[in-house]
Each structure stands twice: as structure tokens, then as C-alpha cells.
């Protein structure tokens, strides 16, 4: 009898000690995972739910730029339904990779060619596992149909993909992207579609030059479009409410980030790091590597020459450019480059 009472007392003391230990740890550190783990094993308490790796990644990412964008749009925490998203946006720039359950919104001049190469390599629809083995021009022509657009699916199929696939997009400082578009499309030493260049050269020459006589194809190829002419053309079109060409259209017009909540919004300025985050999120980081800047690009990086090209642009035109892209600046948390700031910390394009 005495032995039994002793055993009961010992058990009571042990339980009390464990409870006291738990209280002490909780008071110093909060109910942390280590304490909960130990107690759950001793008392067979069900351990806390651990989210899947993808859920953890998405949650972390949405606390970053993607979450910031969603909040800037004035949206509540609850996501817009895929049905409502389809009603308000055509999603004509969203590529689908069914194999890896990815939706990528194409933003030209923000590494979109390389993202096409990556998605093609992952899809298994081309005879290449290394994205760099895929011809960068072929992704826009020969292989273009291998990555369908979201708009090509039926409504129920699109809703399913919007609700269940990993959605991502990449952005870039709007002023830098504009300069990149002009350099690529209008400087004769850059690679671009000849027909594309001829069309816009003729439009711009007619609109902004007195000697706007009819130009033949040979003459069009020799015409140099100045950067200020290009900027005037873009803002004039935007202020008229015209749909801009994809290469200089606003991000929010292309990808509708206030309609669909993206899992990740990456920056061109952190391209390598952010691309790896995307690939890890869909467990593809061991399958492919995002291509590095190719050696074929002989010219200086756009970031290195921005000051040179923007310094002679009239302040009045810069203000119009900023107003045109103001929503993108604010939505994606971009600031005006330092070289456009004055001594009093105001900017040349402040309104």
C-alpha cells in the first residue's frame, strides 16, 4: 500500500514538473516548436500542422512584392475568384505550362525570351533539357504554339488553372524598360524584326518630322528614330487612350495584377535570385537553370547608359512619361532614378 502511494506521489510530482517546465519555457520563449514537439511526444498531443513546401513558399512570397501589389490595388485578403478574374480580363499574355502547373505573364523587355526557353525546356515539348540550347528567336516563331495562352482554353479549363497553378510575372523599372525597348527596336545595330521597325519608323516620321514624305523600304531602314521622338510617340498614344505595343505597354495593362493575385512578382533587377525562387517553388530548380545574360549582347547594359540617354530629355516630356507609367511606378514600388533627382531631393518629373 505504501509502495503504491509512493508510486502515485512520484507520478504526480513528475507531471507537475513537466507542466512547470512547459510554463517556464513558454514564459521565456513563447510556445515554440521545440517545446510543443517534446510535450506532444510525451502526452501524444497532435503536432501542429506543417504546410507543404509549396504553400510555405507561396505564403512567404505573397508577403513580399506580390503581396504589396495586391494591397496597393486595394484588394482585401481574400483572393478574387478565378471566375470573376476571367470576366474582367482577357489574359492574352499569360502562358500555360501544364506539366509543371505554371502560369507566366509575358512582359516584353523583362527577360521574357529566356522565360519562354525555360518553360519550353520544362514542358518536354522540345528536344532540349537545357534552356540555352533552345534558339532564342525560335521561341517567338517556330516554338511559339507549344506554349498555349490561357485565353485559348475553355472557361472552366481557365478557371481551373487560375485557381490551381503557380502564377508569376516579372517587372522592371519603367524608364529602364522604355530605353531598352527603344535600343532594341530602333537602333540599327540591335537585333529586331525588320517589318516591326519599318512600320513604327514610318508612323513616327510621319507624325513628328516635317520631311514626312512617303519613304520606301530602303529609306526606312536608314532612318534613325531619336529617343525623344520615341518617348513623345509613346506618351501621345497613351494619352489618347490607345493600346500600346506590348514592348512598351504598362505592366498592369498586360498582366492585370489587380484582378488576379500572383503567387510571385519578380524584379529584373534581381533576376537571377528571383528566377531561382520561382523554379524552387515548382520544384524545378534541379531540372533547369535560368539562362545567364548571353555573350551575344555586345552592347552595354541599359542600366549603365540610362543617365546618358535621359539627361537631355526635356523635363516637360519626362513629366508626361512619368504620368503615363505612374501606376506601374506606384503599384510595383519603383522610385525615380537618382540621376533625375534635384538638389532639394525633388525630381525633374514631380507633378
Protein backbone atom coordinates (compact mmCIF):
# COMPACT_ATOMS: atom_id res chain seq x y z
CA UNK A 1 0.00 0.00 0.00
CA UNK A 2 2.79 2.37 0.97
CA UNK A 3 4.65 1.42 -2.21
CA UNK A 4 1.59 2.20 -4.30
CA UNK A 5 1.11 5.58 -2.65
CA UNK A 6 4.76 6.32 -3.26
CA UNK A 7 4.36 5.50 -6.97
CA UNK A 8 1.30 7.77 -7.23
CA UNK A 9 3.13 10.60 -5.49
CA UNK A 10 6.13 10.15 -7.77
CA UNK A 11 3.93 10.23 -10.87
CA UNK A 12 2.12 13.33 -9.62
CA UNK A 13 5.45 15.06 -8.99
CA UNK A 14 6.71 14.13 -12.46
CA UNK A 15 3.58 15.52 -14.16
CA UNK A 16 3.74 18.73 -12.13
CA UNK A 17 7.41 19.15 -13.01
CA UNK A 18 6.70 18.75 -16.72
CA UNK A 19 3.87 21.27 -16.59
CA UNK A 20 6.07 23.72 -14.68
CA UNK A 21 8.85 23.19 -17.24
CA UNK A 22 6.43 23.97 -20.01
CA UNK A 23 5.26 27.16 -18.28
CA UNK A 24 8.84 28.35 -17.74
CA UNK A 25 9.78 27.76 -21.37
CA UNK A 26 6.59 29.38 -22.58
CA UNK A 27 7.16 32.46 -20.45
CA UNK A 28 10.69 32.93 -21.81
CA UNK A 29 10.28 31.94 -25.44
CA UNK A 30 6.58 31.52 -26.16
CA UNK A 31 5.13 28.16 -27.07
CA UNK A 32 7.84 27.33 -29.56
CA UNK A 33 8.01 24.36 -31.84
CA UNK A 34 10.67 22.57 -29.72
CA UNK A 35 8.60 22.68 -26.51
CA UNK A 36 5.45 21.64 -28.35
CA UNK A 37 7.32 18.82 -30.05
CA UNK A 38 8.58 17.38 -26.75
CA UNK A 39 5.28 17.66 -24.95
CA UNK A 40 3.34 16.24 -27.87
CA UNK A 41 5.53 13.15 -27.85
CA UNK A 42 5.17 12.63 -24.10
CA UNK A 43 1.43 13.19 -23.94
CA UNK A 44 0.65 12.11 -27.53
CA UNK A 45 -0.72 15.57 -28.41
CA UNK A 46 -1.18 16.02 -32.15
CA UNK A 47 1.70 18.11 -33.54
CA UNK A 48 0.88 21.44 -35.20
CA UNK A 49 0.03 21.38 -38.92
CA UNK A 50 3.08 21.85 -41.15
CA UNK A 51 2.29 23.41 -44.54
CA UNK A 52 3.62 21.85 -47.70
CA UNK A 53 6.86 23.29 -49.18
CA UNK A 54 4.90 24.98 -51.99
CA UNK A 55 2.40 26.50 -49.55
CA UNK A 56 5.24 27.85 -47.41
CA UNK A 57 6.96 29.36 -50.43
CA UNK A 58 3.82 30.99 -51.76
CA UNK A 59 2.97 32.38 -48.33
CA UNK A 60 6.45 33.89 -47.99
CA UNK A 61 6.40 35.33 -51.46
CA UNK A 62 2.99 36.92 -51.02
CA UNK A 63 4.39 38.74 -48.02
CA UNK A 64 6.81 40.34 -50.49
CA UNK A 65 6.22 42.27 -53.71
CA UNK A 66 3.23 40.17 -54.80
CA UNK A 67 1.50 40.92 -51.51
CA UNK A 68 2.47 44.60 -51.74
CA UNK A 69 0.95 44.85 -55.23
CA UNK A 70 -2.28 43.19 -54.10
CA UNK A 71 -2.59 45.61 -51.20
CA UNK A 72 -1.79 48.59 -53.43
CA UNK A 73 -4.70 47.54 -55.61
CA UNK A 74 -6.94 48.00 -52.58
CA UNK A 75 -7.94 44.35 -52.54
CA UNK A 76 -8.92 42.52 -49.35
CA UNK A 77 -7.02 39.48 -48.08
CA UNK A 78 -9.48 37.18 -49.79
CA UNK A 79 -8.49 36.35 -53.33
CA UNK A 80 -10.71 37.21 -56.27
CA UNK A 81 -12.32 34.09 -57.69
CA UNK A 82 -11.00 32.77 -60.98
CA UNK A 83 -14.47 33.21 -62.45
CA UNK A 84 -14.52 36.92 -61.59
CA UNK A 85 -10.97 37.32 -62.89
CA UNK A 86 -11.90 35.85 -66.27
CA UNK A 87 -14.87 38.20 -66.57
CA UNK A 88 -12.73 41.32 -66.21
CA UNK A 89 -9.50 40.32 -68.01
CA UNK A 90 -8.74 38.50 -71.27
CA UNK A 91 -5.34 37.16 -70.07
CA UNK A 92 -3.99 37.31 -73.58
CA UNK A 93 -0.41 37.49 -72.29
CA UNK A 94 -0.44 34.53 -69.88
CA UNK A 95 1.45 31.42 -70.99
CA UNK A 96 0.49 27.98 -69.69
CA UNK A 97 2.82 25.13 -68.73
CA UNK A 98 0.53 22.26 -67.78
CA UNK A 99 3.30 19.82 -66.93
CA UNK A 100 4.66 21.98 -64.10
CA UNK A 101 1.39 23.79 -63.39
CA UNK A 102 2.75 27.25 -64.11
CA UNK A 103 1.14 30.43 -65.45
CA UNK A 104 3.58 33.07 -66.64
CA UNK A 105 2.52 36.57 -67.69
CA UNK A 106 4.68 37.77 -70.56
CA UNK A 107 6.19 41.23 -70.12
CA UNK A 108 8.46 42.02 -73.12
CA UNK A 109 11.87 43.51 -72.29
CA UNK A 110 11.85 41.80 -68.89
CA UNK A 111 13.66 38.55 -69.78
CA UNK A 112 10.55 37.09 -71.39
CA UNK A 113 12.51 35.25 -74.12
CA UNK A 114 14.53 33.38 -71.52
CA UNK A 115 11.41 32.55 -69.54
CA UNK A 116 9.93 31.08 -72.71
CA UNK A 117 13.05 28.96 -73.11
CA UNK A 118 12.79 27.75 -69.51
CA UNK A 119 9.10 26.86 -69.83
CA UNK A 120 9.73 25.05 -73.11
CA UNK A 121 12.58 23.02 -71.61
CA UNK A 122 10.39 22.07 -68.64
CA UNK A 123 7.42 21.17 -70.83
CA UNK A 124 9.27 18.39 -72.61
CA UNK A 125 7.84 19.55 -75.94
CA UNK A 126 11.25 20.34 -77.44
CA UNK A 127 14.33 18.18 -77.76
CA UNK A 128 16.29 20.14 -75.16
CA UNK A 129 16.61 19.99 -71.41
CA UNK A 130 18.94 23.00 -71.21
CA UNK A 131 17.14 26.28 -71.97
CA UNK A 132 20.28 27.76 -73.54
CA UNK A 133 20.16 25.03 -76.22
CA UNK A 134 16.88 26.48 -77.49
CA UNK A 135 17.32 29.19 -80.12
CA UNK A 136 16.18 32.44 -78.57
CA UNK A 137 14.46 33.57 -81.78
CA UNK A 138 12.72 30.23 -82.28
CA UNK A 139 10.73 30.67 -79.05
CA UNK A 140 8.85 33.56 -80.68
CA UNK A 141 8.30 31.80 -84.01
CA UNK A 142 8.99 28.08 -84.51
CA UNK A 143 8.06 27.02 -80.95
CA UNK A 144 5.54 29.74 -80.18
CA UNK A 145 2.50 27.44 -80.39
CA UNK A 146 3.99 24.90 -77.96
CA UNK A 147 3.19 27.16 -75.01
CA UNK A 148 -0.52 27.97 -75.25
CA UNK A 149 -2.05 31.16 -73.93
CA UNK A 150 -4.58 30.99 -71.12
CA UNK A 151 -7.20 32.57 -73.38
CA UNK A 152 -7.04 29.53 -75.70
CA UNK A 153 -8.71 27.30 -73.10
CA UNK A 154 -12.40 26.99 -72.31
CA UNK A 155 -13.70 29.00 -69.40
CA UNK A 156 -13.84 26.04 -66.96
CA UNK A 157 -10.33 25.00 -68.02
CA UNK A 158 -9.02 28.53 -67.49
CA UNK A 159 -10.71 28.81 -64.10
CA UNK A 160 -9.11 25.56 -63.00
CA UNK A 161 -5.64 26.78 -63.99
CA UNK A 162 -6.08 30.18 -62.36
CA UNK A 163 -7.14 28.51 -59.14
CA UNK A 164 -4.53 25.76 -59.01
CA UNK A 165 -1.42 26.79 -60.96
CA UNK A 166 1.57 28.81 -59.80
CA UNK A 167 1.16 32.33 -61.20
CA UNK A 168 4.13 34.66 -61.66
CA UNK A 169 5.34 37.72 -63.56
CA UNK A 170 8.47 39.90 -63.71
CA UNK A 171 8.77 43.69 -63.81
CA UNK A 172 11.47 46.28 -64.40
CA UNK A 173 11.94 49.98 -63.75
CA UNK A 174 9.57 51.51 -66.36
CA UNK A 175 12.09 54.11 -67.53
CA UNK A 176 14.78 51.48 -67.99
CA UNK A 177 12.37 49.23 -69.88
CA UNK A 178 11.41 52.08 -72.23
CA UNK A 179 15.05 52.72 -73.04
CA UNK A 180 15.65 49.01 -73.57
CA UNK A 181 12.72 48.83 -75.99
CA UNK A 182 13.99 51.80 -78.00
CA UNK A 183 17.53 50.43 -78.17
CA UNK A 184 16.32 47.01 -79.27
CA UNK A 185 13.72 48.13 -81.78
CA UNK A 186 15.08 51.35 -83.26
CA UNK A 187 18.85 51.38 -83.06
CA UNK A 188 20.12 49.86 -86.28
CA UNK A 189 22.85 47.83 -84.58
CA UNK A 190 20.30 45.97 -82.47
CA UNK A 191 18.54 42.79 -83.46
CA UNK A 192 14.83 43.18 -84.14
CA UNK A 193 12.17 42.35 -86.69
CA UNK A 194 12.70 44.38 -89.88
CA UNK A 195 8.98 44.69 -90.56
CA UNK A 196 8.36 45.80 -86.96
CA UNK A 197 10.97 48.53 -87.23
CA UNK A 198 9.80 49.74 -90.65
CA UNK A 199 6.19 50.05 -89.51
CA UNK A 200 6.92 52.16 -86.44
CA UNK A 201 9.62 54.23 -88.13
CA UNK A 202 7.13 55.27 -90.80
CA UNK A 203 4.46 56.11 -88.22
CA UNK A 204 6.85 58.20 -86.10
CA UNK A 205 8.43 60.00 -89.06
CA UNK A 206 5.02 60.99 -90.43
CA UNK A 207 3.89 62.25 -87.06
CA UNK A 208 6.94 64.17 -85.85
CA UNK A 209 9.02 65.25 -88.83
CA UNK A 210 8.34 67.90 -91.44
CA UNK A 211 10.02 65.85 -94.15
CA UNK A 212 7.41 63.14 -93.82
CA UNK A 213 7.27 62.21 -97.47
CA UNK A 214 6.45 58.65 -98.43
CA UNK A 215 9.52 56.55 -97.66
CA UNK A 216 10.42 53.36 -99.48
CA UNK A 217 11.69 50.31 -97.62
CA UNK A 218 15.32 51.13 -98.27
CA UNK A 219 14.90 54.66 -96.95
CA UNK A 220 13.05 53.40 -93.86
CA UNK A 221 15.96 51.14 -92.96
CA UNK A 222 18.35 54.08 -92.84
CA UNK A 223 16.14 56.39 -90.76
CA UNK A 224 17.25 56.90 -87.17
CA UNK A 225 14.49 57.43 -84.62
CA UNK A 226 15.75 59.56 -81.75
CA UNK A 227 14.95 58.56 -78.18
CA UNK A 228 12.96 61.74 -77.53
CA UNK A 229 10.85 61.07 -80.65
CA UNK A 230 10.11 57.59 -79.40
CA UNK A 231 9.09 58.87 -75.97
CA UNK A 232 6.79 61.51 -77.49
CA UNK A 233 5.18 58.85 -79.67
CA UNK A 234 4.57 56.54 -76.68
CA UNK A 235 3.04 59.19 -74.42
CA UNK A 236 0.95 60.68 -77.22
CA UNK A 237 -0.53 57.26 -77.88
CA UNK A 238 -1.11 56.61 -74.18
CA UNK A 239 -2.78 59.98 -73.60
CA UNK A 240 -5.15 59.24 -76.49
CA UNK A 241 -6.14 56.02 -74.74
CA UNK A 242 -4.64 53.84 -77.46
CA UNK A 243 -3.47 50.30 -76.79
CA UNK A 244 0.32 50.42 -76.75
CA UNK A 245 2.60 47.89 -78.34
CA UNK A 246 3.47 45.06 -75.93
CA UNK A 247 7.12 46.14 -75.75
CA UNK A 248 6.21 49.39 -74.01
CA UNK A 249 2.70 48.72 -72.71
CA UNK A 250 2.22 49.19 -68.96
CA UNK A 251 2.65 46.14 -66.70
CA UNK A 252 -0.80 46.46 -65.19
CA UNK A 253 -2.34 46.54 -68.66
CA UNK A 254 -0.55 43.35 -69.71
CA UNK A 255 -0.88 41.23 -66.58
CA UNK A 256 -3.87 42.62 -64.63
CA UNK A 257 -2.32 42.18 -61.16
CA UNK A 258 -5.31 43.84 -59.52
CA UNK A 259 -7.59 41.17 -60.96
CA UNK A 260 -5.63 38.01 -60.24
CA UNK A 261 -3.39 37.56 -57.24
CA UNK A 262 0.02 36.41 -58.43
CA UNK A 263 1.99 33.98 -56.30
CA UNK A 264 5.20 35.77 -57.15
CA UNK A 265 6.20 39.09 -58.70
CA UNK A 266 9.89 39.18 -59.51
CA UNK A 267 12.18 42.05 -60.42
CA UNK A 268 14.51 42.22 -63.39
CA UNK A 269 16.94 43.96 -61.05
CA UNK A 270 17.18 40.70 -59.04
CA UNK A 271 16.61 38.38 -61.97
CA UNK A 272 18.92 35.51 -61.08
CA UNK A 273 17.81 35.32 -57.47
CA UNK A 274 14.11 35.73 -58.22
CA UNK A 275 14.18 33.23 -61.10
CA UNK A 276 15.63 30.65 -58.72
CA UNK A 277 12.81 31.32 -56.27
CA UNK A 278 10.25 30.64 -58.99
CA UNK A 279 11.93 27.38 -60.01
CA UNK A 280 12.22 26.23 -56.40
CA UNK A 281 8.55 26.99 -55.85
CA UNK A 282 7.55 24.48 -58.53
CA UNK A 283 10.35 22.06 -57.59
CA UNK A 284 12.11 22.58 -60.92
CA UNK A 285 15.36 24.12 -59.67
CA UNK A 286 17.22 20.82 -60.21
CA UNK A 287 15.74 20.35 -63.68
CA UNK A 288 16.76 23.62 -65.34
CA UNK A 289 18.81 26.72 -64.72
CA UNK A 290 17.70 30.16 -65.76
CA UNK A 291 19.97 31.36 -68.62
CA UNK A 292 22.55 33.98 -67.78
CA UNK A 293 22.94 37.10 -69.91
CA UNK A 294 24.18 35.84 -73.25
CA UNK A 295 27.55 36.79 -74.67
CA UNK A 296 25.78 37.77 -77.89
CA UNK A 297 24.78 41.02 -76.19
CA UNK A 298 27.75 43.17 -77.14
CA UNK A 299 26.18 46.45 -76.07
CA UNK A 300 26.27 47.98 -72.61
CA UNK A 301 23.56 47.09 -70.13
CA UNK A 302 20.69 49.53 -70.21
CA UNK A 303 21.18 50.40 -66.54
CA UNK A 304 24.68 51.61 -67.38
CA UNK A 305 23.55 54.11 -70.03
CA UNK A 306 20.27 55.41 -68.61
CA UNK A 307 21.75 58.70 -67.41
CA UNK A 308 23.32 59.30 -70.82
CA UNK A 309 20.03 58.96 -72.72
CA UNK A 310 17.66 60.62 -70.24
CA UNK A 311 19.78 63.66 -69.34
CA UNK A 312 18.81 65.59 -72.49
CA UNK A 313 15.09 64.76 -72.40
CA UNK A 314 13.08 67.94 -71.62
CA UNK A 315 11.53 67.99 -68.14
CA UNK A 316 8.09 68.58 -69.66
CA UNK A 317 8.36 65.34 -71.65
CA UNK A 318 9.72 63.43 -68.65
CA UNK A 319 6.71 64.51 -66.62
CA UNK A 320 4.38 63.15 -69.29
CA UNK A 321 6.30 59.87 -69.42
CA UNK A 322 6.07 59.52 -65.66
CA UNK A 323 2.33 60.24 -65.64
CA UNK A 324 1.90 57.60 -68.33
CA UNK A 325 3.67 54.97 -66.21
CA UNK A 326 2.80 56.35 -62.79
CA UNK A 327 0.52 53.44 -61.91
CA UNK A 328 3.32 50.97 -62.61
CA UNK A 329 5.79 53.02 -60.55
CA UNK A 330 3.43 53.04 -57.59
CA UNK A 331 1.94 49.58 -57.95
CA UNK A 332 5.31 47.84 -58.13
CA UNK A 333 7.12 50.14 -55.71
CA UNK A 334 9.61 51.72 -58.11
CA UNK A 335 11.21 55.07 -57.41
CA UNK A 336 12.52 57.70 -59.80
CA UNK A 337 16.22 57.08 -60.60
CA UNK A 338 18.68 59.16 -58.57
CA UNK A 339 20.06 60.93 -61.62
CA UNK A 340 16.66 62.58 -62.15
CA UNK A 341 16.60 63.98 -58.62
CA UNK A 342 17.45 67.63 -57.97
CA UNK A 343 19.43 69.09 -55.10
CA UNK A 344 16.31 69.66 -52.99
CA UNK A 345 15.51 65.93 -53.39
CA UNK A 346 12.59 66.74 -55.67
CA UNK A 347 12.60 65.16 -59.07
CA UNK A 348 12.60 66.56 -62.56
CA UNK A 349 9.36 64.73 -63.18
CA UNK A 350 7.50 65.61 -59.98
CA UNK A 351 3.96 66.69 -60.77
